[in-house]
Amino acid sequence: MALRILSRKKATPSISGLLGSGHFRGLQTFSLPDLPYDYGSLEPFINAEIMLLHHQKHHQAYITNYNKALEQLHDAINKGHASTVAKLQSAIKFNGGGHINHSIFWNNLAPIHEGGGDPPKGSLGWAIDSQFGSLEALIQRVNAEGAALQGSGWVWLALDKELKKLSVETTANQDPLVTKGSALVPLLGIDVWEHAYYLQYKNVRPDYLKNIWKVINWKYGGEIFAKETGVVESR
């Protein structure tokens, strides 16, 4: 039986709408966003146990630690403790990045019956074919970059708004894509931390990267691409 979540929210092409937020002592804090599908609905490509632990344990931990670091930063600033302010920057970057990255990742996935794995259409599909030659060529490039990434991190398909072209990028640990350049907009991010696949694929990251494309939600990336490029997609 597929594990289920209590509520569902539709994906939206807006980073601010993905993150979930609240207020604590006047601070803008994060909260765990709901998944737009059930934990077991990406099987057999990503099993329910991975999705449950990844969402409720790993993602929640980034949020908890970010909110804690933010409160500590607020207190340190008020007390004028410059050394503490500097010390907290790495925790805020790591945990805030973890929240941002995972909020994108969940929306980059969809069950097959909801369009997961369907090829990109419209302007994004055309841009991929034009720049990489084919979707298959892009997939090979992303998989190669993701498999070669040492340690933990992410592999991305990005839109470079300054160069007006697509770009395949990698980031280490939980660094968000913006750390590679302020003009880079994430269209697709794949988590290559072991917690994203180890329970099912063990240490064989290439198998995970091969299978995840069966549940990639290209519609989400296409909406972001159209929004950022000002393209009006025909219906």
Protein backbone atom coordinates (compact mmCIF):
# COMPACT_ATOMS: atom_id res chain seq x y z
CA MET A 1 0.00 0.00 0.00
CA ALA A 2 1.34 3.40 -0.92
CA LEU A 3 2.16 5.72 1.93
CA ARG A 4 0.00 8.81 1.78
CA ILE A 5 0.26 12.36 3.01
CA LEU A 6 -2.53 14.23 4.72
CA SER A 7 -2.82 17.08 2.26
CA ARG A 8 -1.77 17.90 -1.27
CA LYS A 9 -0.83 21.16 -2.92
CA LYS A 10 -0.40 21.76 -6.62
CA ALA A 11 3.02 22.69 -7.94
CA THR A 12 3.47 26.33 -8.79
CA PRO A 13 6.12 28.05 -10.92
CA SER A 14 7.17 30.41 -8.13
CA ILE A 15 10.03 29.77 -5.73
CA SER A 16 8.42 31.91 -3.04
CA GLY A 17 5.27 29.83 -3.31
CA LEU A 18 7.18 26.60 -2.83
CA LEU A 19 9.07 27.31 0.34
CA GLY A 20 6.38 27.65 2.98
CA SER A 21 6.85 30.33 5.57
CA GLY A 22 5.77 31.55 8.95
CA HIS A 23 6.74 34.07 11.59
CA PHE A 24 8.54 33.63 14.87
CA ARG A 25 9.35 36.65 17.04
CA GLY A 26 8.92 38.80 13.93
CA LEU A 27 11.32 36.63 11.87
CA GLN A 28 10.38 35.12 8.51
CA THR A 29 10.80 31.39 9.10
CA PHE A 30 10.34 28.33 6.90
CA SER A 31 7.93 25.44 7.26
CA LEU A 32 7.85 22.07 5.52
CA PRO A 33 5.86 22.29 2.26
CA ASP A 34 3.46 19.49 1.38
CA LEU A 35 4.31 17.21 -1.51
CA PRO A 36 1.98 17.47 -4.52
CA TYR A 37 1.70 13.65 -4.66
CA ASP A 38 1.71 10.61 -2.36
CA TYR A 39 4.97 9.15 -1.08
CA GLY A 40 4.47 5.89 -2.94
CA SER A 41 3.31 7.34 -6.24
CA LEU A 42 6.80 7.55 -7.76
CA GLU A 43 7.36 3.81 -7.44
CA PRO A 44 9.03 1.72 -8.73
CA PHE A 45 11.58 4.39 -9.64
CA ILE A 46 11.76 6.03 -6.19
CA ASN A 47 10.21 3.99 -3.42
CA ALA A 48 7.88 5.23 -0.72
CA GLU A 49 10.32 4.71 2.15
CA ILE A 50 12.91 6.96 0.52
CA MET A 51 10.35 9.67 -0.17
CA LEU A 52 8.99 9.55 3.38
CA LEU A 53 12.42 9.79 5.01
CA HIS A 54 13.72 12.31 2.49
CA HIS A 55 10.78 14.65 2.99
CA GLN A 56 9.86 14.26 6.66
CA LYS A 57 13.33 13.70 8.11
CA HIS A 58 15.99 15.24 5.86
CA HIS A 59 14.06 18.21 4.49
CA GLN A 60 12.48 18.89 7.88
CA ALA A 61 15.93 18.87 9.49
CA TYR A 62 17.16 21.60 7.14
CA ILE A 63 14.14 23.71 8.02
CA THR A 64 14.49 23.15 11.77
CA ASN A 65 18.19 24.01 11.72
CA TYR A 66 17.67 27.04 9.49
CA ASN A 67 15.00 28.48 11.76
CA LYS A 68 17.21 27.85 14.81
CA ALA A 69 20.20 29.54 13.15
CA LEU A 70 18.02 32.47 12.10
CA GLU A 71 16.84 32.99 15.69
CA GLN A 72 20.43 32.82 16.93
CA LEU A 73 21.48 35.32 14.26
CA HIS A 74 18.71 37.69 15.29
CA ASP A 75 19.84 37.53 18.93
CA ALA A 76 23.52 37.94 18.01
CA ILE A 77 22.78 41.02 15.90
CA ASN A 78 20.74 42.58 18.69
CA LYS A 79 23.56 41.92 21.17
CA GLY A 80 26.27 43.11 18.79
CA HIS A 81 28.13 39.78 18.81
CA ALA A 82 29.94 40.08 15.47
CA SER A 83 31.87 36.81 15.84
CA THR A 84 28.65 34.86 16.39
CA VAL A 85 27.03 36.55 13.38
CA ALA A 86 29.97 35.47 11.21
CA LYS A 87 29.96 31.94 12.63
CA LEU A 88 26.26 31.44 11.80
CA GLN A 89 26.61 32.26 8.10
CA SER A 90 27.64 28.74 7.09
CA ALA A 91 24.71 27.14 8.95
CA ILE A 92 22.25 29.54 7.33
CA LYS A 93 23.69 28.92 3.87
CA PHE A 94 23.72 25.13 4.28
CA ASN A 95 20.29 24.68 5.83
CA GLY A 96 18.59 27.46 3.86
CA GLY A 97 20.06 26.00 0.69
CA GLY A 98 18.82 22.56 1.66
CA HIS A 99 15.30 23.91 2.01
CA ILE A 100 15.39 25.83 -1.26
CA ASN A 101 16.86 22.91 -3.22
CA HIS A 102 14.44 20.32 -1.90
CA SER A 103 11.43 22.57 -2.45
CA ILE A 104 12.40 22.72 -6.13
CA PHE A 105 13.21 18.99 -6.30
CA TRP A 106 9.78 17.84 -5.12
CA ASN A 107 8.16 19.86 -7.89
CA ASN A 108 10.57 18.47 -10.48
CA LEU A 109 8.98 15.06 -9.89
CA ALA A 110 5.54 13.71 -10.75
CA PRO A 111 3.83 10.31 -10.91
CA ILE A 112 3.61 8.78 -14.38
CA HIS A 113 -0.18 9.08 -14.37
CA GLU A 114 0.22 12.82 -13.78
CA GLY A 115 2.72 13.38 -16.58
CA GLY A 116 5.95 12.26 -14.94
CA GLY A 117 8.45 11.26 -17.60
CA ASP A 118 6.61 12.98 -20.45
CA PRO A 119 9.12 14.87 -22.63
CA PRO A 120 9.30 18.66 -22.41
CA LYS A 121 7.02 20.50 -24.80
CA GLY A 122 6.75 24.05 -26.06
CA SER A 123 9.58 26.54 -25.83
CA LEU A 124 11.66 24.51 -23.35
CA GLY A 125 11.52 21.43 -25.57
CA TRP A 126 12.59 23.51 -28.54
CA ALA A 127 15.43 25.11 -26.57
CA ILE A 128 16.73 21.72 -25.44
CA ASP A 129 16.70 20.33 -28.99
CA SER A 130 18.31 23.49 -30.34
CA GLN A 131 21.12 23.66 -27.79
CA PHE A 132 21.83 20.02 -26.94
CA GLY A 133 20.65 18.30 -30.11
CA SER A 134 18.02 16.17 -28.39
CA LEU A 135 16.49 15.41 -25.02
CA GLU A 136 18.47 12.16 -24.94
CA ALA A 137 21.72 14.09 -25.35
CA LEU A 138 20.77 16.41 -22.48
CA ILE A 139 19.92 13.46 -20.25
CA GLN A 140 23.29 11.88 -20.98
CA ARG A 141 25.03 15.15 -20.12
CA VAL A 142 23.13 15.62 -16.85
CA ASN A 143 23.68 11.98 -15.84
CA ALA A 144 27.39 12.19 -16.57
CA GLU A 145 27.76 15.39 -14.54
CA GLY A 146 25.71 13.98 -11.67
CA ALA A 147 27.58 10.68 -11.58
CA ALA A 148 30.96 12.43 -11.64
CA LEU A 149 30.14 14.84 -8.81
CA GLN A 150 32.38 13.96 -5.89
CA GLY A 151 30.72 13.64 -2.52
CA SER A 152 27.25 15.12 -2.09
CA GLY A 153 25.49 17.77 -4.13
CA TRP A 154 23.10 18.58 -6.95
CA VAL A 155 23.05 18.59 -10.74
CA TRP A 156 20.94 21.24 -12.45
CA LEU A 157 19.45 22.29 -15.74
CA ALA A 158 19.45 26.07 -15.54
CA LEU A 159 18.43 29.04 -17.61
CA ASP A 160 21.13 31.66 -17.82
CA LYS A 161 19.07 34.83 -18.19
CA GLU A 162 22.06 36.96 -19.15
CA LEU A 163 23.34 34.66 -21.90
CA LYS A 164 19.78 33.56 -22.79
CA LYS A 165 20.77 29.91 -22.95
CA LEU A 166 20.43 26.68 -21.03
CA SER A 167 23.24 25.46 -18.81
CA VAL A 168 24.05 22.21 -16.98
CA GLU A 169 25.56 23.00 -13.58
CA THR A 170 26.54 21.19 -10.40
CA THR A 171 26.61 22.49 -6.85
CA ALA A 172 28.27 20.96 -3.82
CA ASN A 173 26.53 19.96 -0.61
CA GLN A 174 23.36 22.10 -0.26
CA ASP A 175 24.62 25.15 -2.12
CA PRO A 176 21.68 26.62 -4.05
CA LEU A 177 22.17 27.30 -7.74
CA VAL A 178 22.37 31.06 -7.18
CA THR A 179 25.82 30.54 -5.66
CA LYS A 180 27.06 29.70 -9.18
CA GLY A 181 25.71 32.94 -10.62
CA SER A 182 22.89 35.37 -9.93
CA ALA A 183 21.56 35.01 -13.51
CA LEU A 184 21.03 31.25 -13.21
CA VAL A 185 17.43 30.13 -12.78
CA PRO A 186 16.85 26.47 -11.79
CA LEU A 187 14.55 24.59 -14.15
CA LEU A 188 15.45 21.09 -12.99
CA GLY A 189 17.46 19.98 -9.97
CA ILE A 190 18.39 16.39 -9.15
CA ASP A 191 19.52 15.53 -5.64
CA VAL A 192 22.60 13.27 -5.74
CA TRP A 193 23.09 13.03 -1.99
CA GLU A 194 23.04 9.36 -0.96
CA HIS A 195 19.95 9.92 1.17
CA ALA A 196 18.03 10.47 -2.09
CA TYR A 197 18.65 6.95 -3.37
CA TYR A 198 20.76 4.69 -1.12
CA LEU A 199 17.92 2.62 0.40
CA GLN A 200 16.91 1.52 -3.10
CA TYR A 201 19.97 1.85 -5.32
CA LYS A 202 22.72 1.33 -2.70
CA ASN A 203 25.88 3.06 -3.93
CA VAL A 204 25.02 2.83 -7.64
CA ARG A 205 24.24 6.48 -8.33
CA PRO A 206 24.15 6.02 -12.14
CA ASP A 207 21.18 3.64 -11.84
CA TYR A 208 19.29 6.22 -9.78
CA LEU A 209 20.08 8.93 -12.33
CA LYS A 210 18.96 6.67 -15.18
CA ASN A 211 15.60 5.87 -13.59
CA ILE A 212 14.66 9.24 -12.16
CA TRP A 213 13.87 10.55 -15.65
CA LYS A 214 10.82 8.25 -15.67
CA VAL A 215 9.21 10.58 -13.11
CA ILE A 216 10.66 13.96 -14.05
CA ASN A 217 7.99 16.66 -14.23
CA TRP A 218 9.02 18.65 -17.32
CA LYS A 219 5.82 20.67 -17.14
CA TYR A 220 7.12 22.46 -14.05
CA GLY A 221 10.45 23.33 -15.68
CA GLY A 222 8.64 24.42 -18.83
CA GLU A 223 6.45 26.84 -16.88
CA ILE A 224 9.50 28.37 -15.20
CA PHE A 225 11.29 28.67 -18.55
CA ALA A 226 8.31 30.34 -20.22
CA LYS A 227 7.85 32.74 -17.32
CA GLU A 228 11.51 33.77 -17.20
CA THR A 229 11.83 34.17 -20.98
CA GLY A 230 8.48 35.91 -21.45
CA VAL A 231 7.23 33.25 -23.85
CA VAL A 232 3.47 32.82 -24.17
CA GLU A 233 2.84 29.12 -24.64
CA SER A 234 -0.01 28.03 -26.92
CA ARG A 235 -2.58 25.76 -25.36
